[in-house]
Amino acid sequence: MSRWLAPLVGVVGLLTLVGGVVWAELDMRTMGGVPLVGVGGVLLVAAAVVAACVEAADRRRHPQH
C-alpha cells in the first residue's frame, strides 16, 4: 500500500501547486490561489516523508551484506 501512496500524494501535491499558481496568476483580484500553493507544497513534503519512511523500512527488512 505504501509503495503507491508516496507517488500518488506527490502527483496530487504537484497538480495542486500548479493549479494554485495558475489561479493566483489569472485572478489578480483575489488571493484564492495562494492557499492552494501552500497545500500543494505541504503535500509534496508529505510525499517525500512517506517515500523516505518506506525506503527506510524496506532497507531494515532487507539489509545488504
Protein backbone atom coordinates (compact mmCIF):
# COMPACT_ATOMS: atom_id res chain seq x y z
CA MET A 1 0.00 0.00 0.00
CA SER A 2 2.75 2.46 0.89
CA ARG A 3 4.57 1.93 -2.37
CA TRP A 4 1.87 3.72 -4.36
CA LEU A 5 0.95 6.23 -1.64
CA ALA A 6 4.03 8.45 -1.96
CA PRO A 7 3.81 8.87 -5.75
CA LEU A 8 0.07 9.46 -5.54
CA VAL A 9 0.44 12.15 -2.86
CA GLY A 10 3.30 13.69 -4.86
CA VAL A 11 1.26 13.89 -8.05
CA VAL A 12 -1.74 15.37 -6.23
CA GLY A 13 0.55 17.87 -4.49
CA LEU A 14 2.21 18.90 -7.73
CA LEU A 15 -1.12 19.35 -9.51
CA THR A 16 -2.47 21.36 -6.56
CA LEU A 17 0.65 23.53 -6.53
CA VAL A 18 0.44 24.22 -10.26
CA GLY A 19 -3.32 24.84 -10.06
CA GLY A 20 -2.81 27.33 -7.24
CA VAL A 21 -0.08 29.19 -9.11
CA VAL A 22 -2.21 29.39 -12.27
CA TRP A 23 -5.23 30.55 -10.26
CA ALA A 24 -3.18 33.20 -8.46
CA GLU A 25 -1.75 34.45 -11.76
CA LEU A 26 -5.06 34.56 -13.64
CA ASP A 27 -7.23 36.02 -10.86
CA MET A 28 -5.38 39.08 -9.57
CA ARG A 29 -8.40 40.42 -7.66
CA THR A 30 -8.43 37.68 -5.03
CA MET A 31 -5.84 35.65 -3.17
CA GLY A 32 -7.79 32.41 -3.73
CA GLY A 33 -4.95 30.51 -5.36
CA VAL A 34 -2.39 31.26 -2.68
CA PRO A 35 -3.72 28.72 -0.13
CA LEU A 36 -3.70 26.07 -2.87
CA VAL A 37 0.00 26.73 -3.43
CA GLY A 38 0.62 26.16 0.27
CA VAL A 39 -1.42 22.94 0.30
CA GLY A 40 0.45 21.70 -2.77
CA GLY A 41 3.78 22.39 -1.09
CA VAL A 42 2.69 20.57 2.07
CA LEU A 43 1.53 17.57 0.03
CA LEU A 44 4.88 17.43 -1.78
CA VAL A 45 6.73 17.46 1.55
CA ALA A 46 4.37 14.76 2.87
CA ALA A 47 5.08 12.62 -0.21
CA ALA A 48 8.82 12.95 0.37
CA VAL A 49 8.42 11.94 4.03
CA VAL A 50 6.28 8.92 3.12
CA ALA A 51 8.80 7.86 0.46
CA ALA A 52 11.69 8.20 2.93
CA CYS A 53 9.84 6.16 5.56
CA VAL A 54 9.02 3.41 3.08
CA GLU A 55 12.62 3.31 1.88
CA ALA A 56 13.97 3.16 5.44
CA ALA A 57 11.54 0.36 6.39
CA ASP A 58 12.48 -1.55 3.24
CA ARG A 59 16.19 -1.28 4.00
CA ARG A 60 15.61 -2.53 7.54
CA ARG A 61 13.70 -5.56 6.24
CA HIS A 62 16.26 -6.43 3.57
CA PRO A 63 19.72 -5.43 4.82
CA GLN A 64 22.52 -5.72 2.28
CA HIS A 65 25.58 -7.58 3.48
